[in-house]
Amino acid sequence: MKKELLSIGLVGLLCLSSGISVSAADYGVAGCGFGSLVFKENKGGHQILAATTNGTSGSQTFGISTGTLGCATDGLVQKEKVQEVFVSLNFNSLEAEMAQGKGEKLEALSGLLGCSTNGTAQLGEYTKSNFDVLYTQETTPSSLLSAVKDGIRKDAVLSKSCKI
């Protein structure tokens, strides 16, 4: 078992030193890592082997930390997913706080949207004055987040205070 792990690690180092590069879209459900470079087919058995290889070699952790082995370090997907989950979980609270233009959940959303301290107050004013546009009968968590982001992009002051 130790020989297998050592050989997997050595092959991983060879791939790194040879300059193999893989974009984040090149891995399957097992995620990025050395196993996903070796077992590319997105089929059940291959992905199990890829996940096992990633897990036993520690290559996924290494790849995520260094941005190698097909792993991205930009965090864009993670950042957007966190925003979506937060809005979904706090949808009703955000409705009340956006109507008032202040509140704990609205401040947290502001932070997730990359707003400065000053930008948080500006976002509150924006949501309060545009509440009837942001919240309608058809508003969903996803559409709310999109509308808030669009508002930030279009508002000259907010776009400088929030880095979405």
Protein backbone atom coordinates (compact mmCIF):
# COMPACT_ATOMS: atom_id res chain seq x y z
CA MET A 1 0.00 0.00 0.00
CA LYS A 2 2.84 2.39 0.86
CA LYS A 3 4.53 1.64 -2.47
CA GLU A 4 1.29 2.44 -4.31
CA LEU A 5 0.91 5.74 -2.49
CA LEU A 6 4.53 6.60 -3.11
CA SER A 7 4.21 5.83 -6.81
CA ILE A 8 1.01 7.86 -7.07
CA GLY A 9 2.77 10.77 -5.34
CA LEU A 10 5.81 10.48 -7.61
CA VAL A 11 3.65 10.40 -10.73
CA GLY A 12 1.85 13.49 -9.43
CA LEU A 13 5.15 15.29 -8.96
CA LEU A 14 6.20 14.30 -12.47
CA CYS A 15 2.97 15.75 -13.84
CA LEU A 16 3.59 18.97 -11.94
CA SER A 17 7.17 19.28 -13.09
CA SER A 18 6.26 18.47 -16.69
CA GLY A 19 3.82 21.35 -16.80
CA ILE A 20 0.59 19.43 -17.34
CA SER A 21 -2.20 21.93 -17.04
CA VAL A 22 -5.88 21.22 -16.82
CA SER A 23 -8.73 23.66 -16.64
CA ALA A 24 -11.29 23.31 -13.85
CA ALA A 25 -13.86 21.99 -16.31
CA ASP A 26 -11.70 18.96 -17.11
CA TYR A 27 -12.56 16.92 -14.04
CA GLY A 28 -15.61 14.84 -13.23
CA VAL A 29 -17.70 14.41 -10.12
CA ALA A 30 -14.67 13.27 -8.08
CA GLY A 31 -13.32 16.81 -8.25
CA CYS A 32 -9.91 18.05 -9.18
CA GLY A 33 -6.67 16.31 -8.20
CA PHE A 34 -4.24 13.75 -9.52
CA GLY A 35 -6.90 11.01 -9.64
CA SER A 36 -8.98 13.13 -11.98
CA LEU A 37 -6.00 13.57 -14.30
CA VAL A 38 -5.45 9.82 -14.46
CA PHE A 39 -9.10 8.70 -14.57
CA LYS A 40 -10.70 11.27 -16.87
CA GLU A 41 -13.87 9.42 -17.90
CA ASN A 42 -16.88 10.68 -15.99
CA LYS A 43 -18.29 7.20 -15.39
CA GLY A 44 -19.07 5.66 -12.00
CA GLY A 45 -16.14 3.27 -11.72
CA HIS A 46 -13.59 5.72 -13.02
CA GLN A 47 -14.81 8.49 -10.75
CA ILE A 48 -14.61 6.15 -7.74
CA LEU A 49 -11.00 5.41 -8.64
CA ALA A 50 -10.33 9.12 -9.16
CA ALA A 51 -11.85 10.02 -5.79
CA THR A 52 -9.93 7.23 -4.05
CA THR A 53 -6.69 8.32 -5.65
CA ASN A 54 -7.35 11.95 -4.75
CA GLY A 55 -8.15 11.00 -1.17
CA THR A 56 -5.31 8.56 -0.53
CA SER A 57 -2.63 10.69 -2.14
CA GLY A 58 -3.74 14.01 -0.68
CA SER A 59 -3.45 15.47 -4.17
CA GLN A 60 -6.82 17.21 -4.09
CA THR A 61 -5.88 19.21 -1.00
CA PHE A 62 -2.51 20.01 -2.54
CA GLY A 63 -4.10 20.97 -5.86
CA ILE A 64 -6.68 23.23 -4.25
CA SER A 65 -4.01 24.92 -2.14
CA THR A 66 -1.65 25.51 -5.03
CA GLY A 67 -4.01 25.84 -7.99
CA THR A 68 -2.45 22.82 -9.72
CA LEU A 69 -3.75 19.39 -10.77
CA GLY A 70 -6.79 20.93 -12.42
CA CYS A 71 -7.88 22.84 -9.32
CA ALA A 72 -8.75 26.53 -9.49
CA THR A 73 -7.99 28.98 -6.71
CA ASP A 74 -10.07 31.91 -7.95
CA GLY A 75 -13.03 31.06 -5.71
CA LEU A 76 -15.56 32.47 -8.17
CA VAL A 77 -17.83 29.47 -8.12
CA GLN A 78 -17.61 29.17 -4.36
CA LYS A 79 -18.31 32.88 -3.82
CA GLU A 80 -21.42 32.85 -5.98
CA LYS A 81 -22.68 29.61 -4.44
CA VAL A 82 -22.27 31.03 -0.92
CA GLN A 83 -24.25 34.12 -1.95
CA GLU A 84 -27.03 31.97 -3.45
CA VAL A 85 -27.28 29.72 -0.40
CA PHE A 86 -27.27 32.70 1.98
CA VAL A 87 -30.09 34.45 0.11
CA SER A 88 -32.10 31.22 -0.07
CA LEU A 89 -31.74 30.53 3.65
CA ASN A 90 -32.48 34.12 4.67
CA PHE A 91 -35.01 35.08 2.00
CA ASN A 92 -37.84 36.06 4.39
CA SER A 93 -35.55 37.95 6.79
CA LEU A 94 -33.96 39.80 3.90
CA GLU A 95 -37.39 40.87 2.69
CA ALA A 96 -38.12 42.66 5.96
CA GLU A 97 -34.62 44.11 6.28
CA MET A 98 -34.47 45.33 2.68
CA ALA A 99 -37.77 47.13 3.21
CA GLN A 100 -36.22 48.90 6.22
CA GLY A 101 -32.83 49.38 4.56
CA LYS A 102 -30.94 47.88 7.50
CA GLY A 103 -30.48 44.73 9.49
CA GLU A 104 -28.10 41.94 10.40
CA LYS A 105 -28.86 39.73 7.40
CA LEU A 106 -28.64 42.65 4.98
CA GLU A 107 -25.25 43.56 6.46
CA ALA A 108 -24.10 39.96 6.02
CA LEU A 109 -25.27 39.94 2.41
CA SER A 110 -23.44 43.20 1.87
CA GLY A 111 -20.26 41.56 3.10
CA LEU A 112 -20.77 38.60 0.79
CA LEU A 113 -21.19 41.03 -2.10
CA GLY A 114 -17.86 42.64 -1.24
CA CYS A 115 -19.27 45.96 -0.05
CA SER A 116 -17.20 48.26 2.12
CA THR A 117 -18.56 49.56 5.42
CA ASN A 118 -19.81 52.65 3.62
CA GLY A 119 -21.19 50.43 0.86
CA THR A 120 -23.31 48.52 3.38
CA ALA A 121 -25.23 51.67 4.27
CA GLN A 122 -25.55 52.56 0.59
CA LEU A 123 -26.83 49.07 -0.21
CA GLY A 124 -29.41 49.45 2.55
CA GLU A 125 -30.60 52.73 1.08
CA TYR A 126 -30.71 51.16 -2.37
CA THR A 127 -32.79 48.18 -1.25
CA LYS A 128 -35.15 50.42 0.72
CA SER A 129 -35.78 52.81 -2.15
CA ASN A 130 -36.08 50.00 -4.72
CA PHE A 131 -37.93 47.50 -2.57
CA ASP A 132 -41.00 47.36 -4.82
CA VAL A 133 -38.77 46.40 -7.77
CA LEU A 134 -36.68 43.88 -5.82
CA TYR A 135 -39.63 42.09 -4.19
CA THR A 136 -42.66 41.18 -6.28
CA GLN A 137 -44.99 38.17 -6.27
CA GLU A 138 -42.59 36.40 -8.65
CA THR A 139 -39.39 37.11 -6.70
CA THR A 140 -37.29 34.06 -5.92
CA PRO A 141 -34.00 33.96 -4.01
CA SER A 142 -32.13 33.65 -7.31
CA SER A 143 -33.97 36.54 -8.97
CA LEU A 144 -33.49 38.69 -5.86
CA LEU A 145 -29.74 38.12 -5.85
CA SER A 146 -29.56 38.89 -9.58
CA ALA A 147 -31.60 42.08 -9.14
CA VAL A 148 -29.41 43.28 -6.27
CA LYS A 149 -26.24 42.58 -8.26
CA ASP A 150 -27.67 44.38 -11.31
CA GLY A 151 -28.56 47.34 -9.11
CA ILE A 152 -25.04 47.46 -7.74
CA ARG A 153 -23.56 47.38 -11.24
CA LYS A 154 -25.85 50.17 -12.49
CA ASP A 155 -25.53 52.47 -9.48
CA ALA A 156 -22.39 54.63 -9.78
CA VAL A 157 -21.86 54.93 -6.02
CA LEU A 158 -22.61 51.29 -5.19
CA SER A 159 -20.45 49.95 -7.97
CA LYS A 160 -17.46 51.72 -6.39
CA SER A 161 -18.29 50.47 -2.87
CA CYS A 162 -19.15 46.85 -3.67
CA LYS A 163 -16.84 44.43 -5.49
CA ILE A 164 -19.26 41.76 -6.70
